[in-house]
Amino acid sequence: QVQLVESGGGLVQAGGSLRLSCAASGRTLSSVAMGWFRQAPGKERLFVAAISWSGDNTSYADSVKGRFTISRDNAKNTTYLEMNSLKPEDTDVYYCAADHSFGTHVDYLYWGQGTQVTVYS
C-alpha cells in the first residue's frame, strides 16, 4: 500500500504560481511512477503530468506544457508540481497518484485526497 497526501493548493490570481506537494508513505514506494491529475465536479479525471521513478522521464498534458513542471525527491518521498502562469481554466481539484507503470493513463493504483486550486482573473 502507498499513502499519498497532497498540499499546496489555494487561491491565486491569474498569472501567478503555486507549488503542489505530494508526500508518499508505505511499504511499496520503490520504483513507483508518480502523476498529477485534475478533476472538476461531475467531470472525468484528466492527466496533467507524470514522472518516472528515476525522474528521467516526464510527460505533460498539452495544456500545461511550458507552464507546469513535475519533479520528485525520492529521499524525501515527495513529488512536486510547480505551476506557473496560471490561468482561470486551471481551476480544479488536483490529485497526486502513484503506479508501478509510468504513463498518462488515468487508472493509477494509488490516489491522494486532492487539493483545490482556484485561479481568479
C-alpha atoms as a PDB file:
ATOM      1  CA  GLN A   1       0.000   0.000   0.000  1.00  0.00           C
ATOM      2  CA  VAL A   2       1.035   3.573  -0.720  1.00  0.00           C
ATOM      3  CA  GLN A   3      -0.478   6.550   1.066  1.00  0.00           C
ATOM      4  CA  LEU A   4      -0.408   9.948  -0.617  1.00  0.00           C
ATOM      5  CA  VAL A   5      -1.107  13.363   0.889  1.00  0.00           C
ATOM      6  CA  GLU A   6      -1.249  16.490  -1.265  1.00  0.00           C
ATOM      7  CA  SER A   7      -0.684  20.041  -0.087  1.00  0.00           C
ATOM      8  CA  GLY A   8      -0.034  23.456  -1.564  1.00  0.00           C
ATOM      9  CA  GLY A   9      -3.317  24.222  -3.252  1.00  0.00           C
ATOM     10  CA  GLY A  10      -5.047  27.540  -2.790  1.00  0.00           C
ATOM     11  CA  LEU A  11      -6.390  30.708  -4.337  1.00  0.00           C
ATOM     12  CA  VAL A  12      -4.164  32.606  -6.742  1.00  0.00           C
ATOM     13  CA  GLN A  13      -4.569  35.385  -9.256  1.00  0.00           C
ATOM     14  CA  ALA A  14      -4.166  34.616 -12.941  1.00  0.00           C
ATOM     15  CA  GLY A  15      -0.523  34.769 -13.926  1.00  0.00           C
ATOM     16  CA  GLY A  16       0.593  33.652 -10.507  1.00  0.00           C
ATOM     17  CA  SER A  17       2.245  30.457  -9.313  1.00  0.00           C
ATOM     18  CA  LEU A  18       1.631  27.609  -6.928  1.00  0.00           C
ATOM     19  CA  ARG A  19       3.673  24.576  -5.949  1.00  0.00           C
ATOM     20  CA  LEU A  20       1.814  21.408  -5.075  1.00  0.00           C
ATOM     21  CA  SER A  21       3.498  18.752  -2.978  1.00  0.00           C
ATOM     22  CA  CYS A  22       2.667  15.085  -2.602  1.00  0.00           C
ATOM     23  CA  ALA A  23       4.109  13.220   0.369  1.00  0.00           C
ATOM     24  CA  ALA A  24       4.183   9.452  -0.024  1.00  0.00           C
ATOM     25  CA  SER A  25       4.459   6.726   2.573  1.00  0.00           C
ATOM     26  CA  GLY A  26       4.060   2.984   2.605  1.00  0.00           C
ATOM     27  CA  ARG A  27       5.863  -0.241   2.087  1.00  0.00           C
ATOM     28  CA  THR A  28       5.898  -0.317  -1.717  1.00  0.00           C
ATOM     29  CA  LEU A  29       7.399   3.008  -2.688  1.00  0.00           C
ATOM     30  CA  SER A  30      10.243   1.533  -4.672  1.00  0.00           C
ATOM     31  CA  SER A  31      10.025   2.009  -8.423  1.00  0.00           C
ATOM     32  CA  VAL A  32       6.645   3.755  -8.438  1.00  0.00           C
ATOM     33  CA  ALA A  33       5.915   6.371 -11.043  1.00  0.00           C
ATOM     34  CA  MET A  34       4.066   9.460  -9.894  1.00  0.00           C
ATOM     35  CA  GLY A  35       1.422  11.512 -11.610  1.00  0.00           C
ATOM     36  CA  TRP A  36      -0.725  14.568 -11.166  1.00  0.00           C
ATOM     37  CA  PHE A  37      -4.309  14.673 -12.375  1.00  0.00           C
ATOM     38  CA  ARG A  38      -7.152  17.159 -12.222  1.00  0.00           C
ATOM     39  CA  GLN A  39     -10.875  16.827 -11.937  1.00  0.00           C
ATOM     40  CA  ALA A  40     -13.828  19.177 -11.883  1.00  0.00           C
ATOM     41  CA  PRO A  41     -17.087  18.188 -10.162  1.00  0.00           C
ATOM     42  CA  GLY A  42     -19.079  15.848 -12.357  1.00  0.00           C
ATOM     43  CA  LYS A  43     -16.372  15.587 -14.964  1.00  0.00           C
ATOM     44  CA  GLU A  44     -13.791  12.975 -15.824  1.00  0.00           C
ATOM     45  CA  ARG A  45     -10.377  12.934 -14.244  1.00  0.00           C
ATOM     46  CA  LEU A  46      -7.715  14.314 -16.587  1.00  0.00           C
ATOM     47  CA  PHE A  47      -3.984  13.693 -16.830  1.00  0.00           C
ATOM     48  CA  VAL A  48      -1.725  16.651 -16.038  1.00  0.00           C
ATOM     49  CA  ALA A  49       1.831  15.358 -15.626  1.00  0.00           C
ATOM     50  CA  ALA A  50       3.806  12.234 -14.784  1.00  0.00           C
ATOM     51  CA  ILE A  51       7.336  11.360 -13.771  1.00  0.00           C
ATOM     52  CA  SER A  52       9.144   8.060 -13.708  1.00  0.00           C
ATOM     53  CA  TRP A  53      10.808   6.636 -10.598  1.00  0.00           C
ATOM     54  CA  SER A  54      14.244   7.857 -11.660  1.00  0.00           C
ATOM     55  CA  GLY A  55      12.955  11.210 -12.820  1.00  0.00           C
ATOM     56  CA  ASP A  56      14.491  10.637 -16.251  1.00  0.00           C
ATOM     57  CA  ASN A  57      11.118  10.526 -17.968  1.00  0.00           C
ATOM     58  CA  THR A  58       8.375  13.107 -17.704  1.00  0.00           C
ATOM     59  CA  SER A  59       5.178  13.686 -19.605  1.00  0.00           C
ATOM     60  CA  TYR A  60       2.765  16.617 -19.685  1.00  0.00           C
ATOM     61  CA  ALA A  61      -0.692  17.379 -20.962  1.00  0.00           C
ATOM     62  CA  ASP A  62      -0.546  19.797 -23.887  1.00  0.00           C
ATOM     63  CA  SER A  63      -2.492  22.387 -21.896  1.00  0.00           C
ATOM     64  CA  VAL A  64       0.263  22.709 -19.282  1.00  0.00           C
ATOM     65  CA  LYS A  65       3.443  22.244 -21.311  1.00  0.00           C
ATOM     66  CA  GLY A  66       5.860  25.087 -20.705  1.00  0.00           C
ATOM     67  CA  ARG A  67       3.949  26.233 -17.616  1.00  0.00           C
ATOM     68  CA  PHE A  68       3.976  23.273 -15.221  1.00  0.00           C
ATOM     69  CA  THR A  69       6.966  21.246 -14.066  1.00  0.00           C
ATOM     70  CA  ILE A  70       6.821  17.909 -12.271  1.00  0.00           C
ATOM     71  CA  SER A  71       9.726  16.789 -10.123  1.00  0.00           C
ATOM     72  CA  ARG A  72      10.429  14.368  -7.303  1.00  0.00           C
ATOM     73  CA  ASP A  73      12.783  13.945  -4.388  1.00  0.00           C
ATOM     74  CA  ASN A  74      12.933  10.243  -3.632  1.00  0.00           C
ATOM     75  CA  ALA A  75      14.987  10.826  -0.485  1.00  0.00           C
ATOM     76  CA  LYS A  76      12.024  12.778   0.889  1.00  0.00           C
ATOM     77  CA  ASN A  77       9.370  10.584  -0.753  1.00  0.00           C
ATOM     78  CA  THR A  78       7.849  13.747  -2.178  1.00  0.00           C
ATOM     79  CA  THR A  79       6.668  14.728  -5.634  1.00  0.00           C
ATOM     80  CA  TYR A  80       6.082  18.314  -6.704  1.00  0.00           C
ATOM     81  CA  LEU A  81       4.090  20.142  -9.336  1.00  0.00           C
ATOM     82  CA  GLU A  82       5.350  23.653  -9.977  1.00  0.00           C
ATOM     83  CA  MET A  83       2.538  25.601 -11.619  1.00  0.00           C
ATOM     84  CA  ASN A  84       3.420  28.909 -13.282  1.00  0.00           C
ATOM     85  CA  SER A  85       1.496  31.378 -15.440  1.00  0.00           C
ATOM     86  CA  LEU A  86      -1.726  30.035 -14.007  1.00  0.00           C
ATOM     87  CA  LYS A  87      -4.974  30.609 -15.860  1.00  0.00           C
ATOM     88  CA  PRO A  88      -8.584  30.557 -14.621  1.00  0.00           C
ATOM     89  CA  GLU A  89      -9.110  27.397 -16.662  1.00  0.00           C
ATOM     90  CA  ASP A  90      -6.512  25.644 -14.481  1.00  0.00           C
ATOM     91  CA  THR A  91      -9.021  25.749 -11.633  1.00  0.00           C
ATOM     92  CA  ASP A  92      -9.772  22.216 -10.435  1.00  0.00           C
ATOM     93  CA  VAL A  93      -9.097  19.709  -7.717  1.00  0.00           C
ATOM     94  CA  TYR A  94      -5.612  18.299  -8.275  1.00  0.00           C
ATOM     95  CA  TYR A  95      -4.788  14.740  -7.314  1.00  0.00           C
ATOM     96  CA  CYS A  96      -1.478  13.025  -6.796  1.00  0.00           C
ATOM     97  CA  ALA A  97      -1.250   9.391  -7.856  1.00  0.00           C
ATOM     98  CA  ALA A  98       1.256   6.542  -7.840  1.00  0.00           C
ATOM     99  CA  ASP A  99       1.556   3.466 -10.001  1.00  0.00           C
ATOM    100  CA  HIS A 100       4.091   0.830 -10.958  1.00  0.00           C
ATOM    101  CA  SER A 101       3.743   1.884 -14.604  1.00  0.00           C
ATOM    102  CA  PHE A 102       4.790   5.289 -15.887  1.00  0.00           C
ATOM    103  CA  GLY A 103       2.319   6.853 -18.269  1.00  0.00           C
ATOM    104  CA  THR A 104      -0.567   9.171 -18.971  1.00  0.00           C
ATOM    105  CA  HIS A 105      -3.263   6.626 -18.149  1.00  0.00           C
ATOM    106  CA  VAL A 106      -5.763   7.635 -15.505  1.00  0.00           C
ATOM    107  CA  ASP A 107      -6.020   4.246 -13.789  1.00  0.00           C
ATOM    108  CA  TYR A 108      -3.133   4.775 -11.413  1.00  0.00           C
ATOM    109  CA  LEU A 109      -3.235   2.413  -8.474  1.00  0.00           C
ATOM    110  CA  TYR A 110      -2.909   4.793  -5.521  1.00  0.00           C
ATOM    111  CA  TRP A 111      -4.504   8.230  -5.073  1.00  0.00           C
ATOM    112  CA  GLY A 112      -4.355  11.135  -2.681  1.00  0.00           C
ATOM    113  CA  GLN A 113      -7.365  13.022  -1.398  1.00  0.00           C
ATOM    114  CA  GLY A 114      -6.894  16.011  -3.695  1.00  0.00           C
ATOM    115  CA  THR A 115      -6.126  19.678  -3.211  1.00  0.00           C
ATOM    116  CA  GLN A 116      -8.166  22.572  -4.591  1.00  0.00           C
ATOM    117  CA  VAL A 117      -6.533  25.039  -6.955  1.00  0.00           C
ATOM    118  CA  THR A 118      -8.545  28.157  -7.764  1.00  0.00           C
ATOM    119  CA  VAL A 119      -7.280  30.780 -10.195  1.00  0.00           C
ATOM    120  CA  TYR A 120      -9.165  34.067 -10.437  1.00  0.00           C
ATOM    121  CA  SER A 121      -8.885  36.743 -13.086  1.00  0.00           C
END
